[in-house]
Amino acid sequence: QMAGALKKLGVAPEGEEEEEAPADEAEMTAEEREVLKTKKALDGVVVLLKDLKSSALAEIKSYNHPPKNTLGVMQGVMYILGKSSKEVSDWNKLRLQINPELVTQLTEYDPEAPRNVKKWKQAQACLEGLEEDQIMRESIA
């Protein structure tokens, strides 16, 4: 079903023809609406990442002791990108990885690629209990 939903949204696997998406969301199944919502969110994130200023990265990297929410988000991001606990748990090691290449890795990340379940669980643990408004108050990045 997911493959069908992706095809209708114009995200067909290579070598397969794309089908026309339903004219409006009312004609979509719940699964198709969820895929569309996720795709739109990811597209928005990529735009924001491309506009991310190096000063924002420098702000995060400059923390000797990052705020709790900022640390949790950065650790979660690093786990999703496949980093090891050794690279993520120590702030000094983690902040060495905060550079323009990180933005490139994030914009090139394929959310449809097979996931490392262990890394995703580690990322979820880092993000558990974090509130978006608290994260936004901590940092400009």
N, C-alpha and C. Protein backbone atom coordinates (compact mmCIF):
# COMPACT_ATOMS: atom_id res chain seq x y z
N GLN A 1 0.82 -1.20 0.00
CA GLN A 1 0.00 0.00 0.00
C GLN A 1 0.86 1.25 0.00
N MET A 2 1.95 1.23 0.79
CA MET A 2 2.81 2.41 0.87
C MET A 2 3.39 2.73 -0.49
N ALA A 3 3.80 1.71 -1.23
CA ALA A 3 4.37 1.94 -2.56
C ALA A 3 3.33 2.61 -3.46
N GLY A 4 2.09 2.17 -3.37
CA GLY A 4 1.02 2.78 -4.15
C GLY A 4 0.80 4.23 -3.76
N ALA A 5 0.83 4.50 -2.47
CA ALA A 5 0.66 5.87 -1.99
C ALA A 5 1.79 6.75 -2.48
N LEU A 6 3.02 6.23 -2.43
CA LEU A 6 4.18 7.00 -2.90
C LEU A 6 4.06 7.28 -4.40
N LYS A 7 3.63 6.27 -5.16
CA LYS A 7 3.47 6.47 -6.61
C LYS A 7 2.47 7.57 -6.91
N LYS A 8 1.34 7.56 -6.21
CA LYS A 8 0.31 8.57 -6.45
C LYS A 8 0.80 9.97 -6.11
N LEU A 9 1.79 10.06 -5.22
CA LEU A 9 2.32 11.36 -4.84
C LEU A 9 3.53 11.75 -5.67
N GLY A 10 3.83 10.97 -6.69
CA GLY A 10 4.94 11.32 -7.57
C GLY A 10 6.28 10.90 -7.03
N VAL A 11 6.33 9.92 -6.15
CA VAL A 11 7.58 9.44 -5.59
C VAL A 11 7.72 7.96 -5.94
N ALA A 12 7.68 7.67 -7.22
CA ALA A 12 7.75 6.28 -7.67
C ALA A 12 9.19 5.81 -7.66
N PRO A 13 9.41 4.53 -7.37
CA PRO A 13 10.76 3.98 -7.46
C PRO A 13 11.29 4.14 -8.88
N GLU A 14 12.62 4.22 -9.00
CA GLU A 14 13.23 4.39 -10.32
C GLU A 14 12.77 3.29 -11.25
N GLY A 15 12.56 3.67 -12.52
CA GLY A 15 12.17 2.69 -13.52
C GLY A 15 10.67 2.46 -13.59
N GLU A 16 9.91 3.03 -12.68
CA GLU A 16 8.46 2.88 -12.71
C GLU A 16 7.84 4.22 -13.06
N GLU A 17 6.77 4.16 -13.83
CA GLU A 17 6.09 5.39 -14.20
C GLU A 17 5.33 5.94 -13.01
N GLU A 18 5.29 7.28 -12.94
CA GLU A 18 4.56 7.92 -11.87
C GLU A 18 3.11 8.10 -12.28
N GLU A 19 2.21 7.84 -11.35
CA GLU A 19 0.79 8.05 -11.61
C GLU A 19 0.42 9.46 -11.20
N GLU A 20 -0.64 9.94 -11.74
CA GLU A 20 -1.15 11.25 -11.41
C GLU A 20 -1.67 11.23 -9.97
N ALA A 21 -1.32 12.24 -9.17
CA ALA A 21 -1.81 12.32 -7.79
C ALA A 21 -3.28 12.71 -7.82
N PRO A 22 -4.05 12.29 -6.83
CA PRO A 22 -5.46 12.71 -6.78
C PRO A 22 -5.56 14.23 -6.79
N ALA A 23 -6.62 14.77 -7.38
CA ALA A 23 -6.77 16.21 -7.55
C ALA A 23 -6.75 16.95 -6.22
N ASP A 24 -7.34 16.39 -5.21
CA ASP A 24 -7.29 17.04 -3.89
C ASP A 24 -7.20 15.98 -2.80
N GLU A 25 -6.90 16.46 -1.60
CA GLU A 25 -6.68 15.54 -0.48
C GLU A 25 -7.94 14.76 -0.11
N ALA A 26 -9.11 15.27 -0.45
CA ALA A 26 -10.35 14.57 -0.12
C ALA A 26 -10.44 13.22 -0.84
N GLU A 27 -9.77 13.11 -1.99
CA GLU A 27 -9.80 11.86 -2.75
C GLU A 27 -8.73 10.87 -2.28
N MET A 28 -7.82 11.31 -1.40
CA MET A 28 -6.71 10.46 -0.95
C MET A 28 -7.13 9.57 0.20
N THR A 29 -6.45 8.43 0.29
CA THR A 29 -6.63 7.58 1.47
C THR A 29 -5.89 8.24 2.63
N ALA A 30 -6.14 7.77 3.84
CA ALA A 30 -5.45 8.31 5.01
C ALA A 30 -3.94 8.12 4.87
N GLU A 31 -3.54 6.97 4.33
CA GLU A 31 -2.12 6.70 4.16
C GLU A 31 -1.49 7.66 3.15
N GLU A 32 -2.20 7.94 2.06
CA GLU A 32 -1.70 8.88 1.06
C GLU A 32 -1.58 10.29 1.64
N ARG A 33 -2.56 10.68 2.46
CA ARG A 33 -2.50 12.01 3.10
C ARG A 33 -1.30 12.09 4.05
N GLU A 34 -1.05 11.00 4.78
CA GLU A 34 0.08 10.98 5.72
C GLU A 34 1.41 11.07 4.96
N VAL A 35 1.52 10.34 3.85
CA VAL A 35 2.74 10.39 3.04
C VAL A 35 2.93 11.80 2.49
N LEU A 36 1.86 12.42 1.99
CA LEU A 36 1.94 13.78 1.46
C LEU A 36 2.37 14.76 2.54
N LYS A 37 1.77 14.64 3.71
CA LYS A 37 2.10 15.52 4.83
C LYS A 37 3.59 15.39 5.19
N THR A 38 4.08 14.16 5.26
CA THR A 38 5.48 13.91 5.59
C THR A 38 6.40 14.45 4.51
N LYS A 39 6.03 14.23 3.25
CA LYS A 39 6.84 14.71 2.13
C LYS A 39 6.93 16.23 2.15
N LYS A 40 5.82 16.91 2.40
CA LYS A 40 5.82 18.37 2.46
C LYS A 40 6.69 18.86 3.62
N ALA A 41 6.59 18.19 4.75
CA ALA A 41 7.41 18.57 5.91
C ALA A 41 8.89 18.40 5.60
N LEU A 42 9.25 17.28 4.98
CA LEU A 42 10.66 17.05 4.63
C LEU A 42 11.16 18.06 3.62
N ASP A 43 10.33 18.41 2.66
CA ASP A 43 10.72 19.43 1.69
C ASP A 43 10.98 20.76 2.39
N GLY A 44 10.15 21.09 3.36
CA GLY A 44 10.34 22.32 4.13
C GLY A 44 11.60 22.30 4.94
N VAL A 45 11.92 21.16 5.53
CA VAL A 45 13.14 21.03 6.33
C VAL A 45 14.37 21.22 5.45
N VAL A 46 14.35 20.64 4.25
CA VAL A 46 15.50 20.78 3.34
C VAL A 46 15.71 22.25 2.99
N VAL A 47 14.64 22.98 2.72
CA VAL A 47 14.76 24.41 2.42
C VAL A 47 15.38 25.15 3.60
N LEU A 48 14.89 24.86 4.81
CA LEU A 48 15.44 25.51 6.01
C LEU A 48 16.91 25.17 6.21
N LEU A 49 17.27 23.92 6.00
CA LEU A 49 18.67 23.50 6.17
C LEU A 49 19.58 24.21 5.17
N LYS A 50 19.12 24.37 3.95
CA LYS A 50 19.94 25.04 2.94
C LYS A 50 20.15 26.51 3.28
N ASP A 51 19.18 27.10 4.01
CA ASP A 51 19.28 28.50 4.41
C ASP A 51 19.98 28.69 5.76
N LEU A 52 20.33 27.58 6.40
CA LEU A 52 20.96 27.64 7.71
C LEU A 52 22.30 28.36 7.61
N LYS A 53 22.47 29.37 8.39
CA LYS A 53 23.69 30.18 8.36
C LYS A 53 24.79 29.50 9.16
N SER A 54 26.01 29.72 8.72
CA SER A 54 27.15 29.15 9.45
C SER A 54 27.22 29.72 10.86
N SER A 55 26.68 30.94 11.06
CA SER A 55 26.67 31.52 12.41
C SER A 55 25.81 30.70 13.36
N ALA A 56 24.74 30.09 12.84
CA ALA A 56 23.88 29.25 13.69
C ALA A 56 24.63 28.00 14.11
N LEU A 57 25.37 27.40 13.17
CA LEU A 57 26.19 26.24 13.53
C LEU A 57 27.27 26.63 14.53
N ALA A 58 27.87 27.79 14.31
CA ALA A 58 28.91 28.26 15.22
C ALA A 58 28.35 28.48 16.62
N GLU A 59 27.11 28.98 16.71
CA GLU A 59 26.49 29.18 18.02
C GLU A 59 26.39 27.85 18.77
N ILE A 60 25.87 26.84 18.10
CA ILE A 60 25.72 25.53 18.75
C ILE A 60 27.08 24.96 19.13
N LYS A 61 28.01 25.05 18.21
CA LYS A 61 29.34 24.49 18.44
C LYS A 61 30.08 25.20 19.57
N SER A 62 29.75 26.47 19.81
CA SER A 62 30.46 27.26 20.82
C SER A 62 30.10 26.91 22.26
N TYR A 63 28.99 26.22 22.45
CA TYR A 63 28.58 25.87 23.82
C TYR A 63 29.60 24.95 24.48
N ASN A 64 30.04 25.35 25.67
CA ASN A 64 30.86 24.44 26.47
C ASN A 64 29.97 23.38 27.11
N HIS A 65 28.78 23.81 27.50
CA HIS A 65 27.75 22.93 28.08
C HIS A 65 26.44 23.32 27.41
N PRO A 66 26.04 22.62 26.37
CA PRO A 66 24.84 23.02 25.63
C PRO A 66 23.58 22.87 26.48
N PRO A 67 22.56 23.70 26.18
CA PRO A 67 21.27 23.52 26.86
C PRO A 67 20.73 22.12 26.58
N LYS A 68 19.95 21.61 27.52
CA LYS A 68 19.43 20.24 27.46
C LYS A 68 18.74 19.92 26.14
N ASN A 69 17.84 20.79 25.70
CA ASN A 69 17.08 20.51 24.49
C ASN A 69 17.97 20.53 23.25
N THR A 70 18.89 21.48 23.20
CA THR A 70 19.81 21.56 22.07
C THR A 70 20.67 20.31 22.00
N LEU A 71 21.17 19.87 23.14
CA LEU A 71 21.97 18.65 23.19
C LEU A 71 21.15 17.45 22.71
N GLY A 72 19.92 17.33 23.19
CA GLY A 72 19.07 16.21 22.80
C GLY A 72 18.82 16.17 21.30
N VAL A 73 18.54 17.34 20.72
CA VAL A 73 18.29 17.40 19.27
C VAL A 73 19.55 17.02 18.50
N MET A 74 20.69 17.57 18.90
CA MET A 74 21.93 17.27 18.19
C MET A 74 22.29 15.80 18.31
N GLN A 75 22.10 15.22 19.48
CA GLN A 75 22.38 13.79 19.64
C GLN A 75 21.44 12.96 18.77
N GLY A 76 20.16 13.32 18.76
CA GLY A 76 19.20 12.60 17.94
C GLY A 76 19.55 12.66 16.46
N VAL A 77 19.93 13.83 16.00
CA VAL A 77 20.33 14.01 14.59
C VAL A 77 21.52 13.12 14.27
N MET A 78 22.50 13.11 15.14
CA MET A 78 23.71 12.33 14.89
C MET A 78 23.41 10.82 14.86
N TYR A 79 22.54 10.37 15.74
CA TYR A 79 22.16 8.95 15.71
C TYR A 79 21.47 8.61 14.39
N ILE A 80 20.55 9.47 13.95
CA ILE A 80 19.85 9.23 12.69
C ILE A 80 20.84 9.15 11.52
N LEU A 81 21.90 9.94 11.60
CA LEU A 81 22.91 9.91 10.55
C LEU A 81 23.87 8.73 10.70
N GLY A 82 23.64 7.89 11.73
CA GLY A 82 24.41 6.66 11.86
C GLY A 82 25.64 6.75 12.76
N LYS A 83 25.77 7.83 13.51
CA LYS A 83 26.94 7.98 14.39
C LYS A 83 26.84 7.01 15.57
N SER A 84 27.99 6.67 16.12
CA SER A 84 28.05 5.74 17.24
C SER A 84 27.81 6.46 18.57
N SER A 85 27.47 5.70 19.59
CA SER A 85 27.27 6.27 20.93
C SER A 85 28.53 6.99 21.39
N LYS A 86 29.68 6.46 21.05
CA LYS A 86 30.96 7.06 21.43
C LYS A 86 31.10 8.47 20.82
N GLU A 87 30.63 8.62 19.57
CA GLU A 87 30.71 9.91 18.89
C GLU A 87 29.65 10.89 19.36
N VAL A 88 28.57 10.37 19.93
CA VAL A 88 27.41 11.20 20.26
C VAL A 88 27.33 11.56 21.74
N SER A 89 27.71 10.64 22.61
CA SER A 89 27.48 10.86 24.05
C SER A 89 28.39 11.93 24.65
N ASP A 90 29.56 12.13 24.11
CA ASP A 90 30.49 13.14 24.61
C ASP A 90 30.33 14.42 23.79
N TRP A 91 29.95 15.53 24.46
CA TRP A 91 29.70 16.78 23.75
C TRP A 91 30.92 17.25 22.96
N ASN A 92 32.10 17.13 23.52
CA ASN A 92 33.29 17.60 22.81
C ASN A 92 33.52 16.84 21.51
N LYS A 93 33.21 15.55 21.50
CA LYS A 93 33.33 14.76 20.26
C LYS A 93 32.20 15.10 19.30
N LEU A 94 31.01 15.29 19.85
CA LEU A 94 29.86 15.59 19.01
C LEU A 94 30.03 16.94 18.32
N ARG A 95 30.47 17.94 19.04
CA ARG A 95 30.54 19.27 18.44
C ARG A 95 31.61 19.39 17.37
N LEU A 96 32.57 18.48 17.35
CA LEU A 96 33.54 18.46 16.25
C LEU A 96 32.87 18.13 14.92
N GLN A 97 31.71 17.49 15.00
CA GLN A 97 30.98 17.08 13.80
C GLN A 97 29.98 18.14 13.33
N ILE A 98 29.87 19.23 14.06
CA ILE A 98 28.96 20.31 13.68
C ILE A 98 29.71 21.24 12.75
N ASN A 99 29.45 21.10 11.47
CA ASN A 99 30.15 21.85 10.44
C ASN A 99 29.28 21.88 9.19
N PRO A 100 29.70 22.60 8.17
CA PRO A 100 28.88 22.65 6.94
C PRO A 100 28.61 21.28 6.33
N GLU A 101 29.49 20.33 6.52
CA GLU A 101 29.27 18.97 5.99
C GLU A 101 28.04 18.34 6.64
N LEU A 102 27.76 18.68 7.90
CA LEU A 102 26.58 18.17 8.58
C LEU A 102 25.32 18.60 7.84
N VAL A 103 25.27 19.85 7.42
CA VAL A 103 24.12 20.35 6.67
C VAL A 103 23.96 19.57 5.37
N THR A 104 25.08 19.31 4.69
CA THR A 104 25.05 18.53 3.45
C THR A 104 24.51 17.13 3.72
N GLN A 105 25.00 16.50 4.78
CA GLN A 105 24.52 15.16 5.12
C GLN A 105 23.02 15.17 5.38
N LEU A 106 22.53 16.19 6.04
CA LEU A 106 21.10 16.26 6.36
C LEU A 106 20.26 16.52 5.12
N THR A 107 20.72 17.39 4.22
CA THR A 107 19.95 17.66 3.01
C THR A 107 19.97 16.48 2.05
N GLU A 108 21.00 15.66 2.12
CA GLU A 108 21.10 14.49 1.25
C GLU A 108 20.53 13.23 1.89
N TYR A 109 20.10 13.31 3.14
CA TYR A 109 19.56 12.15 3.85
C TYR A 109 18.32 11.64 3.13
N ASP A 110 18.26 10.34 2.93
CA ASP A 110 17.12 9.71 2.27
C ASP A 110 16.20 9.09 3.32
N PRO A 111 15.07 9.74 3.60
CA PRO A 111 14.18 9.21 4.64
C PRO A 111 13.48 7.90 4.25
N GLU A 112 13.58 7.53 2.98
CA GLU A 112 12.96 6.28 2.53
C GLU A 112 13.93 5.11 2.53
N ALA A 113 15.20 5.38 2.83
CA ALA A 113 16.20 4.31 2.88
C ALA A 113 15.93 3.44 4.11
N PRO A 114 16.35 2.19 4.07
CA PRO A 114 16.17 1.33 5.25
C PRO A 114 16.81 1.97 6.48
N ARG A 115 16.14 1.83 7.61
CA ARG A 115 16.60 2.46 8.85
C ARG A 115 17.33 1.46 9.73
N ASN A 116 18.31 1.97 10.45
CA ASN A 116 18.97 1.20 11.48
C ASN A 116 18.10 1.35 12.73
N VAL A 117 17.38 0.30 13.09
CA VAL A 117 16.41 0.37 14.17
C VAL A 117 17.05 0.82 15.48
N LYS A 118 18.24 0.30 15.77
CA LYS A 118 18.92 0.67 17.02
C LYS A 118 19.20 2.18 17.06
N LYS A 119 19.68 2.73 15.94
CA LYS A 119 19.99 4.17 15.89
C LYS A 119 18.72 5.00 16.04
N TRP A 120 17.62 4.57 15.41
CA TRP A 120 16.37 5.30 15.53
C TRP A 120 15.84 5.27 16.95
N LYS A 121 15.99 4.14 17.64
CA LYS A 121 15.56 4.08 19.04
C LYS A 121 16.43 4.99 19.91
N GLN A 122 17.72 5.04 19.61
CA GLN A 122 18.61 5.95 20.34
C GLN A 122 18.21 7.40 20.10
N ALA A 123 17.89 7.72 18.85
CA ALA A 123 17.47 9.09 18.52
C ALA A 123 16.17 9.43 19.24
N GLN A 124 15.21 8.52 19.23
CA GLN A 124 13.94 8.76 19.91
C GLN A 124 14.15 9.00 21.40
N ALA A 125 15.07 8.25 22.01
CA ALA A 125 15.35 8.42 23.43
C ALA A 125 15.91 9.82 23.70
N CYS A 126 16.73 10.32 22.80
CA CYS A 126 17.31 11.66 22.96
C CYS A 126 16.25 12.75 22.86
N LEU A 127 15.23 12.50 22.06
CA LEU A 127 14.20 13.51 21.80
C LEU A 127 12.99 13.40 22.73
N GLU A 128 12.93 12.32 23.50
CA GLU A 128 11.79 12.08 24.37
C GLU A 128 11.63 13.23 25.37
N GLY A 129 10.41 13.75 25.42
CA GLY A 129 10.09 14.80 26.38
C GLY A 129 10.49 16.21 25.95
N LEU A 130 11.12 16.35 24.81
CA LEU A 130 11.50 17.68 24.35
C LEU A 130 10.30 18.37 23.71
N GLU A 131 10.19 19.66 23.96
CA GLU A 131 9.09 20.46 23.41
C GLU A 131 9.66 21.44 22.39
N GLU A 132 8.99 21.54 21.24
CA GLU A 132 9.48 22.41 20.17
C GLU A 132 9.68 23.85 20.63
N ASP A 133 8.73 24.39 21.40
CA ASP A 133 8.86 25.78 21.83
C ASP A 133 10.08 25.98 22.74
N GLN A 134 10.41 25.00 23.56
CA GLN A 134 11.59 25.11 24.41
C GLN A 134 12.87 25.05 23.57
N ILE A 135 12.87 24.20 22.57
CA ILE A 135 14.04 24.10 21.69
C ILE A 135 14.24 25.42 20.96
N MET A 136 13.17 26.01 20.46
CA MET A 136 13.27 27.26 19.70
C MET A 136 13.76 28.42 20.57
N ARG A 137 13.44 28.40 21.85
CA ARG A 137 13.90 29.47 22.75
C ARG A 137 15.38 29.36 23.07
N GLU A 138 15.93 28.15 22.96
CA GLU A 138 17.33 27.93 23.34
C GLU A 138 18.33 28.40 22.30
N SER A 139 17.97 28.33 21.03
CA SER A 139 18.97 28.54 19.99
C SER A 139 18.35 29.12 18.75
N ILE A 140 19.14 29.93 18.00
CA ILE A 140 18.67 30.46 16.73
C ILE A 140 18.74 29.43 15.63
N ALA A 141 19.54 28.35 15.84
CA ALA A 141 19.76 27.35 14.78
C ALA A 141 18.58 26.45 14.57
